[in-house]
Amino acid sequence: MKITHITAAVLALNLSLFAADGAQIYKKCSACHGKKAELKYANKVPALTSISKEERVKALQGYKDGSNDSFGMGKVMQPQAKALSDEDIEAVSEYIESLK
């Protein structure tokens, strides 16, 4: 029984070490969207903090699979989004939520 608890604790620690870091991921986004996701990009794209987490996740997934061309940004955003896993998308969206 004791070994099972130790194994579970080690496994949980390892998973947290490999968890996506939204703040780190967002550093690449900040050049266009601002340090606090507050910038309106090209006077077309709303500030990322002004939309819901669910909208951000859906938009990024759409950019990733090529189905989203909101504000004519599909070609710019697709390479950015393709580099992100689903876990990365969730993590960065959660991080942006924390900036509100």
PDB file of N, CA and C in Angstrom:
ATOM      1  N   MET A   1       0.818  -1.190   0.000  1.00  0.00           N
ATOM      2  CA  MET A   1       0.000   0.000   0.000  1.00  0.00           C
ATOM      3  C   MET A   1       0.866   1.259   0.000  1.00  0.00           C
ATOM      4  N   LYS A   2       1.922   1.249   0.802  1.00  0.00           N
ATOM      5  CA  LYS A   2       2.805   2.405   0.889  1.00  0.00           C
ATOM      6  C   LYS A   2       3.494   2.668  -0.451  1.00  0.00           C
ATOM      7  N   ILE A   3       3.898   1.607  -1.130  1.00  0.00           N
ATOM      8  CA  ILE A   3       4.566   1.747  -2.432  1.00  0.00           C
ATOM      9  C   ILE A   3       3.606   2.360  -3.447  1.00  0.00           C
ATOM     10  N   THR A   4       2.346   1.991  -3.385  1.00  0.00           N
ATOM     11  CA  THR A   4       1.352   2.546  -4.307  1.00  0.00           C
ATOM     12  C   THR A   4       1.226   4.050  -4.128  1.00  0.00           C
ATOM     13  N   HIS A   5       1.206   4.528  -2.898  1.00  0.00           N
ATOM     14  CA  HIS A   5       1.112   5.969  -2.640  1.00  0.00           C
ATOM     15  C   HIS A   5       2.360   6.693  -3.129  1.00  0.00           C
ATOM     16  N   ILE A   6       3.517   6.091  -2.908  1.00  0.00           N
ATOM     17  CA  ILE A   6       4.769   6.700  -3.367  1.00  0.00           C
ATOM     18  C   ILE A   6       4.795   6.743  -4.886  1.00  0.00           C
ATOM     19  N   THR A   7       4.396   5.670  -5.522  1.00  0.00           N
ATOM     20  CA  THR A   7       4.361   5.616  -6.983  1.00  0.00           C
ATOM     21  C   THR A   7       3.411   6.676  -7.524  1.00  0.00           C
ATOM     22  N   ALA A   8       2.236   6.806  -6.925  1.00  0.00           N
ATOM     23  CA  ALA A   8       1.265   7.808  -7.368  1.00  0.00           C
ATOM     24  C   ALA A   8       1.817   9.214  -7.202  1.00  0.00           C
ATOM     25  N   ALA A   9       2.511   9.469  -6.099  1.00  0.00           N
ATOM     26  CA  ALA A   9       3.091  10.796  -5.856  1.00  0.00           C
ATOM     27  C   ALA A   9       4.173  11.112  -6.885  1.00  0.00           C
ATOM     28  N   VAL A  10       5.012  10.161  -7.181  1.00  0.00           N
ATOM     29  CA  VAL A  10       6.081  10.357  -8.172  1.00  0.00           C
ATOM     30  C   VAL A  10       5.479  10.588  -9.548  1.00  0.00           C
ATOM     31  N   LEU A  11       4.470   9.825  -9.889  1.00  0.00           N
ATOM     32  CA  LEU A  11       3.809   9.982 -11.182  1.00  0.00           C
ATOM     33  C   LEU A  11       3.180  11.372 -11.290  1.00  0.00           C
ATOM     34  N   ALA A  12       2.500  11.816 -10.254  1.00  0.00           N
ATOM     35  CA  ALA A  12       1.880  13.143 -10.259  1.00  0.00           C
ATOM     36  C   ALA A  12       2.931  14.235 -10.408  1.00  0.00           C
ATOM     37  N   LEU A  13       4.057  14.083  -9.738  1.00  0.00           N
ATOM     38  CA  LEU A  13       5.136  15.057  -9.834  1.00  0.00           C
ATOM     39  C   LEU A  13       5.689  15.087 -11.251  1.00  0.00           C
ATOM     40  N   ASN A  14       5.907  13.941 -11.838  1.00  0.00           N
ATOM     41  CA  ASN A  14       6.423  13.893 -13.208  1.00  0.00           C
ATOM     42  C   ASN A  14       5.466  14.533 -14.191  1.00  0.00           C
ATOM     43  N   LEU A  15       4.174  14.280 -14.038  1.00  0.00           N
ATOM     44  CA  LEU A  15       3.200  14.887 -14.940  1.00  0.00           C
ATOM     45  C   LEU A  15       3.183  16.399 -14.801  1.00  0.00           C
ATOM     46  N   SER A  16       3.318  16.899 -13.584  1.00  0.00           N
ATOM     47  CA  SER A  16       3.311  18.347 -13.405  1.00  0.00           C
ATOM     48  C   SER A  16       4.568  18.986 -13.975  1.00  0.00           C
ATOM     49  N   LEU A  17       5.667  18.253 -13.997  1.00  0.00           N
ATOM     50  CA  LEU A  17       6.899  18.787 -14.573  1.00  0.00           C
ATOM     51  C   LEU A  17       6.784  18.954 -16.077  1.00  0.00           C
ATOM     52  N   PHE A  18       5.934  18.139 -16.704  1.00  0.00           N
ATOM     53  CA  PHE A  18       5.774  18.191 -18.148  1.00  0.00           C
ATOM     54  C   PHE A  18       4.521  18.940 -18.577  1.00  0.00           C
ATOM     55  N   ALA A  19       3.798  19.486 -17.627  1.00  0.00           N
ATOM     56  CA  ALA A  19       2.587  20.239 -17.951  1.00  0.00           C
ATOM     57  C   ALA A  19       2.958  21.488 -18.747  1.00  0.00           C
ATOM     58  N   ALA A  20       2.067  21.851 -19.640  1.00  0.00           N
ATOM     59  CA  ALA A  20       2.298  23.031 -20.464  1.00  0.00           C
ATOM     60  C   ALA A  20       2.324  24.288 -19.589  1.00  0.00           C
ATOM     61  N   ASP A  21       3.241  25.179 -19.879  1.00  0.00           N
ATOM     62  CA  ASP A  21       3.391  26.433 -19.139  1.00  0.00           C
ATOM     63  C   ASP A  21       2.822  27.566 -19.988  1.00  0.00           C
ATOM     64  N   GLY A  22       1.596  27.981 -19.658  1.00  0.00           N
ATOM     65  CA  GLY A  22       0.918  29.018 -20.435  1.00  0.00           C
ATOM     66  C   GLY A  22       1.687  30.320 -20.517  1.00  0.00           C
ATOM     67  N   ALA A  23       2.332  30.717 -19.420  1.00  0.00           N
ATOM     68  CA  ALA A  23       3.102  31.969 -19.418  1.00  0.00           C
ATOM     69  C   ALA A  23       4.278  31.878 -20.382  1.00  0.00           C
ATOM     70  N   GLN A  24       4.939  30.748 -20.391  1.00  0.00           N
ATOM     71  CA  GLN A  24       6.083  30.551 -21.289  1.00  0.00           C
ATOM     72  C   GLN A  24       5.618  30.539 -22.746  1.00  0.00           C
ATOM     73  N   ILE A  25       4.529  29.839 -23.004  1.00  0.00           N
ATOM     74  CA  ILE A  25       3.974  29.770 -24.364  1.00  0.00           C
ATOM     75  C   ILE A  25       3.572  31.159 -24.839  1.00  0.00           C
ATOM     76  N   TYR A  26       2.966  31.941 -23.953  1.00  0.00           N
ATOM     77  CA  TYR A  26       2.461  33.259 -24.331  1.00  0.00           C
ATOM     78  C   TYR A  26       3.571  34.234 -24.723  1.00  0.00           C
ATOM     79  N   LYS A  27       4.771  34.016 -24.281  1.00  0.00           N
ATOM     80  CA  LYS A  27       5.869  34.935 -24.617  1.00  0.00           C
ATOM     81  C   LYS A  27       5.960  35.160 -26.123  1.00  0.00           C
ATOM     82  N   LYS A  28       5.701  34.124 -26.919  1.00  0.00           N
ATOM     83  CA  LYS A  28       5.748  34.267 -28.378  1.00  0.00           C
ATOM     84  C   LYS A  28       4.589  35.112 -28.891  1.00  0.00           C
ATOM     85  N   CYS A  29       3.489  35.102 -28.180  1.00  0.00           N
ATOM     86  CA  CYS A  29       2.284  35.831 -28.593  1.00  0.00           C
ATOM     87  C   CYS A  29       2.376  37.322 -28.271  1.00  0.00           C
ATOM     88  N   SER A  30       3.159  37.639 -27.249  1.00  0.00           N
ATOM     89  CA  SER A  30       3.170  39.006 -26.722  1.00  0.00           C
ATOM     90  C   SER A  30       3.694  40.046 -27.710  1.00  0.00           C
ATOM     91  N   ALA A  31       4.482  39.645 -28.669  1.00  0.00           N
ATOM     92  CA  ALA A  31       4.996  40.607 -29.647  1.00  0.00           C
ATOM     93  C   ALA A  31       3.855  41.297 -30.399  1.00  0.00           C
ATOM     94  N   CYS A  32       2.805  40.567 -30.691  1.00  0.00           N
ATOM     95  CA  CYS A  32       1.656  41.131 -31.412  1.00  0.00           C
ATOM     96  C   CYS A  32       0.495  41.484 -30.488  1.00  0.00           C
ATOM     97  N   HIS A  33       0.311  40.704 -29.429  1.00  0.00           N
ATOM     98  CA  HIS A  33      -0.878  40.855 -28.586  1.00  0.00           C
ATOM     99  C   HIS A  33      -0.620  41.613 -27.290  1.00  0.00           C
ATOM    100  N   GLY A  34       0.629  42.004 -27.036  1.00  0.00           N
ATOM    101  CA  GLY A  34       0.960  42.762 -25.831  1.00  0.00           C
ATOM    102  C   GLY A  34       1.328  41.878 -24.659  1.00  0.00           C
ATOM    103  N   LYS A  35       2.108  42.440 -23.750  1.00  0.00           N
ATOM    104  CA  LYS A  35       2.584  41.673 -22.586  1.00  0.00           C
ATOM    105  C   LYS A  35       1.447  41.151 -21.732  1.00  0.00           C
ATOM    106  N   LYS A  36       0.349  41.881 -21.705  1.00  0.00           N
ATOM    107  CA  LYS A  36      -0.796  41.477 -20.887  1.00  0.00           C
ATOM    108  C   LYS A  36      -2.005  41.146 -21.760  1.00  0.00           C
ATOM    109  N   ALA A  37      -1.746  40.778 -23.015  1.00  0.00           N
ATOM    110  CA  ALA A  37      -2.802  40.397 -23.974  1.00  0.00           C
ATOM    111  C   ALA A  37      -3.830  41.511 -24.137  1.00  0.00           C
ATOM    112  N   GLU A  38      -3.352  42.746 -24.007  1.00  0.00           N
ATOM    113  CA  GLU A  38      -4.251  43.902 -23.997  1.00  0.00           C
ATOM    114  C   GLU A  38      -4.333  44.630 -25.339  1.00  0.00           C
ATOM    115  N   LEU A  39      -3.461  44.288 -26.274  1.00  0.00           N
ATOM    116  CA  LEU A  39      -3.423  45.025 -27.539  1.00  0.00           C
ATOM    117  C   LEU A  39      -4.446  44.521 -28.545  1.00  0.00           C
ATOM    118  N   LYS A  40      -5.010  45.462 -29.280  1.00  0.00           N
ATOM    119  CA  LYS A  40      -5.902  45.157 -30.391  1.00  0.00           C
ATOM    120  C   LYS A  40      -4.996  45.087 -31.628  1.00  0.00           C
ATOM    121  N   TYR A  41      -4.777  43.893 -32.160  1.00  0.00           N
ATOM    122  CA  TYR A  41      -3.813  43.713 -33.243  1.00  0.00           C
ATOM    123  C   TYR A  41      -4.356  44.248 -34.570  1.00  0.00           C
ATOM    124  N   ALA A  42      -3.566  45.061 -35.235  1.00  0.00           N
ATOM    125  CA  ALA A  42      -3.863  45.621 -36.563  1.00  0.00           C
ATOM    126  C   ALA A  42      -5.230  46.313 -36.602  1.00  0.00           C
ATOM    127  N   ASN A  43      -5.656  46.832 -35.479  1.00  0.00           N
ATOM    128  CA  ASN A  43      -6.962  47.489 -35.364  1.00  0.00           C
ATOM    129  C   ASN A  43      -8.114  46.606 -35.851  1.00  0.00           C
ATOM    130  N   LYS A  44      -7.898  45.288 -35.874  1.00  0.00           N
ATOM    131  CA  LYS A  44      -8.947  44.358 -36.291  1.00  0.00           C
ATOM    132  C   LYS A  44      -9.195  43.297 -35.232  1.00  0.00           C
ATOM    133  N   VAL A  45      -8.139  42.705 -34.752  1.00  0.00           N
ATOM    134  CA  VAL A  45      -8.257  41.592 -33.808  1.00  0.00           C
ATOM    135  C   VAL A  45      -8.450  42.161 -32.405  1.00  0.00           C
ATOM    136  N   PRO A  46      -9.517  41.738 -31.721  1.00  0.00           N
ATOM    137  CA  PRO A  46      -9.747  42.277 -30.375  1.00  0.00           C
ATOM    138  C   PRO A  46      -8.652  41.831 -29.398  1.00  0.00           C
ATOM    139  N   ALA A  47      -8.487  42.590 -28.341  1.00  0.00           N
ATOM    140  CA  ALA A  47      -7.542  42.201 -27.292  1.00  0.00           C
ATOM    141  C   ALA A  47      -7.933  40.819 -26.788  1.00  0.00           C
ATOM    142  N   LEU A  48      -6.953  39.971 -26.601  1.00  0.00           N
ATOM    143  CA  LEU A  48      -7.239  38.592 -26.193  1.00  0.00           C
ATOM    144  C   LEU A  48      -7.919  38.513 -24.835  1.00  0.00           C
ATOM    145  N   THR A  49      -7.693  39.498 -23.986  1.00  0.00           N
ATOM    146  CA  THR A  49      -8.351  39.506 -22.678  1.00  0.00           C
ATOM    147  C   THR A  49      -9.815  39.918 -22.777  1.00  0.00           C
ATOM    148  N   SER A  50     -10.235  40.395 -23.935  1.00  0.00           N
ATOM    149  CA  SER A  50     -11.630  40.824 -24.084  1.00  0.00           C
ATOM    150  C   SER A  50     -12.544  39.696 -24.549  1.00  0.00           C
ATOM    151  N   ILE A  51     -11.975  38.541 -24.848  1.00  0.00           N
ATOM    152  CA  ILE A  51     -12.795  37.401 -25.266  1.00  0.00           C
ATOM    153  C   ILE A  51     -12.669  36.280 -24.238  1.00  0.00           C
ATOM    154  N   SER A  52     -13.629  35.384 -24.231  1.00  0.00           N
ATOM    155  CA  SER A  52     -13.644  34.314 -23.237  1.00  0.00           C
ATOM    156  C   SER A  52     -12.587  33.253 -23.542  1.00  0.00           C
ATOM    157  N   LYS A  53     -12.258  32.507 -22.529  1.00  0.00           N
ATOM    158  CA  LYS A  53     -11.295  31.413 -22.691  1.00  0.00           C
ATOM    159  C   LYS A  53     -11.799  30.440 -23.757  1.00  0.00           C
ATOM    160  N   GLU A  54     -13.077  30.133 -23.715  1.00  0.00           N
ATOM    161  CA  GLU A  54     -13.652  29.188 -24.676  1.00  0.00           C
ATOM    162  C   GLU A  54     -13.505  29.706 -26.115  1.00  0.00           C
ATOM    163  N   GLU A  55     -13.711  31.010 -26.310  1.00  0.00           N
ATOM    164  CA  GLU A  55     -13.560  31.604 -27.641  1.00  0.00           C
ATOM    165  C   GLU A  55     -12.105  31.531 -28.107  1.00  0.00           C
ATOM    166  N   ARG A  56     -11.170  31.773 -27.178  1.00  0.00           N
ATOM    167  CA  ARG A  56      -9.746  31.700 -27.537  1.00  0.00           C
ATOM    168  C   ARG A  56      -9.360  30.286 -27.928  1.00  0.00           C
ATOM    169  N   VAL A  57      -9.812  29.309 -27.144  1.00  0.00           N
ATOM    170  CA  VAL A  57      -9.495  27.902 -27.437  1.00  0.00           C
ATOM    171  C   VAL A  57     -10.057  27.521 -28.804  1.00  0.00           C
ATOM    172  N   LYS A  58     -11.311  27.860 -29.040  1.00  0.00           N
ATOM    173  CA  LYS A  58     -11.949  27.535 -30.322  1.00  0.00           C
ATOM    174  C   LYS A  58     -11.218  28.209 -31.485  1.00  0.00           C
ATOM    175  N   ALA A  59     -10.853  29.479 -31.305  1.00  0.00           N
ATOM    176  CA  ALA A  59     -10.142  30.210 -32.363  1.00  0.00           C
ATOM    177  C   ALA A  59      -8.788  29.571 -32.653  1.00  0.00           C
ATOM    178  N   LEU A  60      -8.036  29.257 -31.604  1.00  0.00           N
ATOM    179  CA  LEU A  60      -6.715  28.647 -31.809  1.00  0.00           C
ATOM    180  C   LEU A  60      -6.824  27.271 -32.453  1.00  0.00           C
ATOM    181  N   GLN A  61      -7.799  26.491 -32.044  1.00  0.00           N
ATOM    182  CA  GLN A  61      -7.985  25.182 -32.663  1.00  0.00           C
ATOM    183  C   GLN A  61      -8.353  25.326 -34.134  1.00  0.00           C
ATOM    184  N   GLY A  62      -9.169  26.340 -34.441  1.00  0.00           N
ATOM    185  CA  GLY A  62      -9.521  26.610 -35.830  1.00  0.00           C
ATOM    186  C   GLY A  62      -8.332  27.076 -36.649  1.00  0.00           C
ATOM    187  N   TYR A  63      -7.509  27.929 -36.070  1.00  0.00           N
ATOM    188  CA  TYR A  63      -6.283  28.342 -36.774  1.00  0.00           C
ATOM    189  C   TYR A  63      -5.391  27.126 -37.002  1.00  0.00           C
ATOM    190  N   LYS A  64      -5.298  26.280 -36.007  1.00  0.00           N
ATOM    191  CA  LYS A  64      -4.442  25.092 -36.088  1.00  0.00           C
ATOM    192  C   LYS A  64      -4.878  24.162 -37.223  1.00  0.00           C
ATOM    193  N   ASP A  65      -6.199  23.921 -37.339  1.00  0.00           N
ATOM    194  CA  ASP A  65      -6.664  22.991 -38.376  1.00  0.00           C
ATOM    195  C   ASP A  65      -6.982  23.681 -39.699  1.00  0.00           C
ATOM    196  N   GLY A  66      -6.781  25.004 -39.750  1.00  0.00           N
ATOM    197  CA  GLY A  66      -6.963  25.741 -40.994  1.00  0.00           C
ATOM    198  C   GLY A  66      -8.388  26.184 -41.278  1.00  0.00           C
ATOM    199  N   SER A  67      -9.314  25.946 -40.347  1.00  0.00           N
ATOM    200  CA  SER A  67     -10.711  26.304 -40.583  1.00  0.00           C
ATOM    201  C   SER A  67     -11.061  27.725 -40.142  1.00  0.00           C
ATOM    202  N   ASN A  68     -10.136  28.413 -39.499  1.00  0.00           N
ATOM    203  CA  ASN A  68     -10.401  29.768 -38.996  1.00  0.00           C
ATOM    204  C   ASN A  68      -9.562  30.780 -39.767  1.00  0.00           C
ATOM    205  N   ASP A  69     -10.238  31.775 -40.316  1.00  0.00           N
ATOM    206  CA  ASP A  69      -9.546  32.887 -40.971  1.00  0.00           C
ATOM    207  C   ASP A  69     -10.111  34.206 -40.456  1.00  0.00           C
ATOM    208  N   SER A  70     -10.459  34.207 -39.169  1.00  0.00           N
ATOM    209  CA  SER A  70     -11.021  35.415 -38.561  1.00  0.00           C
ATOM    210  C   SER A  70     -10.103  36.600 -38.777  1.00  0.00           C
ATOM    211  N   PHE A  71     -10.715  37.713 -39.171  1.00  0.00           N
ATOM    212  CA  PHE A  71      -9.989  38.972 -39.380  1.00  0.00           C
ATOM    213  C   PHE A  71      -8.901  38.841 -40.445  1.00  0.00           C
ATOM    214  N   GLY A  72      -8.985  37.806 -41.291  1.00  0.00           N
ATOM    215  CA  GLY A  72      -7.983  37.575 -42.326  1.00  0.00           C
ATOM    216  C   GLY A  72      -6.630  37.151 -41.781  1.00  0.00           C
ATOM    217  N   MET A  73      -6.614  36.597 -40.584  1.00  0.00           N
ATOM    218  CA  MET A  73      -5.360  36.244 -39.912  1.00  0.00           C
ATOM    219  C   MET A  73      -5.004  34.759 -40.013  1.00  0.00           C
ATOM    220  N   GLY A  74      -5.755  33.985 -40.777  1.00  0.00           N
ATOM    221  CA  GLY A  74      -5.506  32.545 -40.864  1.00  0.00           C
ATOM    222  C   GLY A  74      -4.087  32.194 -41.275  1.00  0.00           C
ATOM    223  N   LYS A  75      -3.583  32.855 -42.294  1.00  0.00           N
ATOM    224  CA  LYS A  75      -2.232  32.540 -42.790  1.00  0.00           C
ATOM    225  C   LYS A  75      -1.140  32.931 -41.788  1.00  0.00           C
ATOM    226  N   VAL A  76      -1.399  33.945 -41.009  1.00  0.00           N
ATOM    227  CA  VAL A  76      -0.433  34.384 -40.000  1.00  0.00           C
ATOM    228  C   VAL A  76      -0.489  33.471 -38.778  1.00  0.00           C
ATOM    229  N   MET A  77      -1.708  33.121 -38.384  1.00  0.00           N
ATOM    230  CA  MET A  77      -1.883  32.374 -37.145  1.00  0.00           C
ATOM    231  C   MET A  77      -1.717  30.860 -37.281  1.00  0.00           C
ATOM    232  N   GLN A  78      -1.957  30.307 -38.456  1.00  0.00           N
ATOM    233  CA  GLN A  78      -1.890  28.852 -38.582  1.00  0.00           C
ATOM    234  C   GLN A  78      -0.525  28.279 -38.195  1.00  0.00           C
ATOM    235  N   PRO A  79       0.583  28.845 -38.673  1.00  0.00           N
ATOM    236  CA  PRO A  79       1.884  28.293 -38.256  1.00  0.00           C
ATOM    237  C   PRO A  79       2.110  28.414 -36.744  1.00  0.00           C
ATOM    238  N   GLN A  80       1.607  29.480 -36.160  1.00  0.00           N
ATOM    239  CA  GLN A  80       1.750  29.659 -34.711  1.00  0.00           C
ATOM    240  C   GLN A  80       0.964  28.584 -33.967  1.00  0.00           C
ATOM    241  N   ALA A  81      -0.286  28.392 -34.388  1.00  0.00           N
ATOM    242  CA  ALA A  81      -1.167  27.443 -33.714  1.00  0.00           C
ATOM    243  C   ALA A  81      -0.763  25.992 -33.965  1.00  0.00           C
ATOM    244  N   LYS A  82      -0.249  25.705 -35.156  1.00  0.00           N
ATOM    245  CA  LYS A  82       0.161  24.326 -35.462  1.00  0.00           C
ATOM    246  C   LYS A  82       1.266  23.845 -34.524  1.00  0.00           C
ATOM    247  N   ALA A  83       2.048  24.758 -34.014  1.00  0.00           N
ATOM    248  CA  ALA A  83       3.141  24.398 -33.109  1.00  0.00           C
ATOM    249  C   ALA A  83       2.634  24.060 -31.705  1.00  0.00           C
ATOM    250  N   LEU A  84       1.345  24.278 -31.445  1.00  0.00           N
ATOM    251  CA  LEU A  84       0.790  24.073 -30.107  1.00  0.00           C
ATOM    252  C   LEU A  84       0.014  22.761 -30.015  1.00  0.00           C
ATOM    253  N   SER A  85       0.222  22.047 -28.926  1.00  0.00           N
ATOM    254  CA  SER A  85      -0.603  20.874 -28.645  1.00  0.00           C
ATOM    255  C   SER A  85      -1.933  21.357 -28.070  1.00  0.00           C
ATOM    256  N   ASP A  86      -2.889  20.455 -27.938  1.00  0.00           N
ATOM    257  CA  ASP A  86      -4.151  20.827 -27.310  1.00  0.00           C
ATOM    258  C   ASP A  86      -3.923  21.286 -25.873  1.00  0.00           C
ATOM    259  N   GLU A  87      -2.976  20.658 -25.194  1.00  0.00           N
ATOM    260  CA  GLU A  87      -2.641  21.044 -23.816  1.00  0.00           C
ATOM    261  C   GLU A  87      -2.029  22.442 -23.785  1.00  0.00           C
ATOM    262  N   ASP A  88      -1.202  22.754 -24.773  1.00  0.00           N
ATOM    263  CA  ASP A  88      -0.611  24.088 -24.872  1.00  0.00           C
ATOM    264  C   ASP A  88      -1.693  25.146 -25.081  1.00  0.00           C
ATOM    265  N   ILE A  89      -2.648  24.838 -25.947  1.00  0.00           N
ATOM    266  CA  ILE A  89      -3.740  25.776 -26.229  1.00  0.00           C
ATOM    267  C   ILE A  89      -4.541  26.043 -24.960  1.00  0.00           C
ATOM    268  N   GLU A  90      -4.841  25.003 -24.218  1.00  0.00           N
ATOM    269  CA  GLU A  90      -5.570  25.167 -22.953  1.00  0.00           C
ATOM    270  C   GLU A  90      -4.746  26.000 -21.967  1.00  0.00           C
ATOM    271  N   ALA A  91      -3.459  25.681 -21.870  1.00  0.00           N
ATOM    272  CA  ALA A  91      -2.591  26.369 -20.902  1.00  0.00           C
ATOM    273  C   ALA A  91      -2.443  27.851 -21.234  1.00  0.00           C
ATOM    274  N   VAL A  92      -2.211  28.172 -22.487  1.00  0.00           N
ATOM    275  CA  VAL A  92      -2.028  29.576 -22.856  1.00  0.00           C
ATOM    276  C   VAL A  92      -3.349  30.339 -22.713  1.00  0.00           C
ATOM    277  N   SER A  93      -4.453  29.691 -23.016  1.00  0.00           N
ATOM    278  CA  SER A  93      -5.757  30.337 -22.852  1.00  0.00           C
ATOM    279  C   SER A  93      -6.063  30.589 -21.381  1.00  0.00           C
ATOM    280  N   GLU A  94      -5.687  29.652 -20.532  1.00  0.00           N
ATOM    281  CA  GLU A  94      -5.866  29.822 -19.091  1.00  0.00           C
ATOM    282  C   GLU A  94      -4.972  30.947 -18.579  1.00  0.00           C
ATOM    283  N   TYR A  95      -3.749  31.012 -19.087  1.00  0.00           N
ATOM    284  CA  TYR A  95      -2.833  32.086 -18.684  1.00  0.00           C
ATOM    285  C   TYR A  95      -3.407  33.452 -19.075  1.00  0.00           C
ATOM    286  N   ILE A  96      -3.909  33.563 -20.294  1.00  0.00           N
ATOM    287  CA  ILE A  96      -4.497  34.832 -20.741  1.00  0.00           C
ATOM    288  C   ILE A  96      -5.683  35.186 -19.840  1.00  0.00           C
ATOM    289  N   GLU A  97      -6.444  34.192 -19.452  1.00  0.00           N
ATOM    290  CA  GLU A  97      -7.577  34.435 -18.548  1.00  0.00           C
ATOM    291  C   GLU A  97      -7.098  35.052 -17.236  1.00  0.00           C
ATOM    292  N   SER A  98      -5.934  34.629 -16.770  1.00  0.00           N
ATOM    293  CA  SER A  98      -5.397  35.152 -15.511  1.00  0.00           C
ATOM    294  C   SER A  98      -4.938  36.608 -15.631  1.00  0.00           C
ATOM    295  N   LEU A  99      -4.774  37.103 -16.844  1.00  0.00           N
ATOM    296  CA  LEU A  99      -4.326  38.477 -17.063  1.00  0.00           C
ATOM    297  C   LEU A  99      -5.469  39.489 -17.014  1.00  0.00           C
ATOM    298  N   LYS A 100      -6.687  39.002 -16.998  1.00  0.00           N
ATOM    299  CA  LYS A 100      -7.853  39.903 -16.984  1.00  0.00           C
ATOM    300  C   LYS A 100      -7.939  40.670 -15.700  1.00  0.00           C
TER     301      LYS A 100
END
